[in-house]
Protein backbone atom coordinates (compact mmCIF):
# COMPACT_ATOMS: atom_id res chain seq x y z
CA MET A 1 33.47 22.33 -177.10
CA SER A 2 33.55 20.22 -173.89
CA LYS A 3 34.33 21.61 -170.62
CA GLN A 4 37.74 21.82 -169.49
CA GLU A 5 38.98 19.74 -166.97
CA TYR A 6 42.36 20.39 -164.85
CA LEU A 7 45.03 17.92 -164.20
CA LYS A 8 47.60 18.14 -161.53
CA ILE A 9 50.33 15.89 -161.81
CA SER A 10 53.77 15.70 -159.96
CA THR A 11 57.01 15.16 -161.64
CA ASP A 12 60.86 15.59 -160.85
CA SER A 13 61.93 19.01 -161.63
CA VAL A 14 64.89 18.39 -163.40
CA LEU A 15 62.44 15.67 -166.14
CA LYS A 16 60.42 18.52 -166.45
CA ALA A 17 63.07 20.83 -167.37
CA GLU A 18 64.66 18.79 -170.15
CA VAL A 19 61.21 18.08 -171.35
CA GLU A 20 60.42 21.46 -171.94
CA GLN A 21 64.13 22.06 -173.49
CA ILE A 22 62.87 19.13 -176.12
CA LEU A 23 59.72 20.33 -176.77
CA LYS A 24 59.90 24.17 -176.87
CA PRO A 25 61.76 23.61 -180.53
CA LEU A 26 58.88 21.55 -181.70
CA GLY A 27 56.48 24.65 -180.59
CA ILE A 28 54.71 22.63 -177.72
CA ASP A 29 54.70 23.01 -173.87
CA VAL A 30 54.19 20.09 -171.67
CA ASN A 31 50.56 20.71 -170.83
CA TYR A 32 49.96 19.90 -174.89
CA ALA A 33 51.88 17.29 -174.84
CA VAL A 34 49.92 15.64 -171.88
CA ASN A 35 47.09 16.23 -173.93
CA ILE A 36 48.82 14.54 -176.93
CA PHE A 37 49.80 11.35 -174.87
CA LEU A 38 45.72 11.60 -173.55
CA ASN A 39 44.58 11.28 -176.90
CA LEU A 40 46.60 8.65 -178.24
CA VAL A 41 45.65 6.49 -175.00
CA LYS A 42 42.45 6.99 -176.04
CA ALA A 43 43.07 6.15 -179.73
CA HIS A 44 45.24 2.99 -178.96
CA ARG A 45 42.74 2.17 -176.01
CA GLY A 46 45.57 1.55 -173.85
CA ILE A 47 49.25 3.36 -173.39
CA PRO A 48 50.61 3.81 -177.02
CA PHE A 49 54.03 2.63 -176.42
CA GLU A 50 55.32 -1.25 -175.12
CA LEU A 51 55.62 -1.63 -171.45
CA ARG A 52 58.25 -3.86 -170.46
CA LEU A 53 60.43 -5.02 -167.06
CA PRO A 54 63.35 -4.12 -167.41
CA LEU A 55 66.08 -6.64 -168.75
CA GLU A 56 67.37 -9.49 -166.48
CA PHE A 57 71.14 -10.19 -166.16
CA ASN A 58 72.72 -13.23 -165.54
CA GLN A 59 75.32 -13.34 -162.62
CA ALA A 60 78.34 -13.19 -165.46
CA THR A 61 76.46 -10.17 -167.25
CA ILE A 62 76.29 -8.28 -163.72
CA ASP A 63 80.12 -9.21 -162.90
CA SER A 64 81.36 -7.79 -166.18
CA ILE A 65 79.18 -4.78 -165.77
CA ILE A 66 81.14 -4.52 -162.57
CA ASP A 67 84.35 -5.08 -163.65
CA SER A 68 83.98 -2.66 -166.31
CA GLN A 69 82.60 0.15 -163.85
CA ASN A 70 86.07 -0.49 -161.86
CA ASN A 71 88.21 -0.75 -165.10
CA ILE A 72 88.90 -4.46 -164.42
CA GLY A 73 90.06 -5.54 -168.09
CA VAL A 74 89.50 -2.63 -169.91
CA THR A 75 91.37 -1.41 -172.40
CA THR A 76 91.57 2.23 -172.89
CA PHE A 77 93.13 4.18 -176.07
CA ASP A 78 94.09 8.10 -176.25
CA SER A 79 93.17 8.37 -180.00
CA TYR A 80 90.67 6.76 -182.44
CA GLU A 81 93.82 5.71 -184.70
CA GLU A 82 95.01 3.81 -181.49
CA TRP A 83 91.56 2.32 -180.94
CA SER A 84 91.44 1.62 -184.95
CA LYS A 85 94.95 -0.14 -185.24
CA HIS A 86 94.21 -2.39 -181.93
CA LEU A 87 90.91 -3.68 -183.05
CA GLN A 88 92.29 -4.56 -186.96
CA ASP A 89 95.37 -6.46 -184.81
CA ASN A 90 92.40 -8.26 -182.73
CA ILE A 91 90.36 -9.16 -186.04
CA ASN A 92 93.24 -10.19 -188.01
CA GLU A 93 94.27 -12.63 -184.73
CA THR A 94 90.47 -14.26 -185.17
CA ASP A 95 90.89 -15.02 -189.00
């Protein structure tokens, strides 16, 4: 067996706690998960998943997101039934 190396990393405490809760039912700890990741990097000879820049939104999309966050043009419903009826009425209007 090869010599053990110690790896010291810094991460957000909330993220670490959330990850620990996810990994616990799997029977592994963060240290083991990091070792899995390192082995996958070795096997893939790179990051074992796709890295992409975030989507770029045009101004219309940005404006729509801001409007929805401010409840502008947003229709709300008190129940599933109310939402379902609204949806059916609008589908029928477009037919």
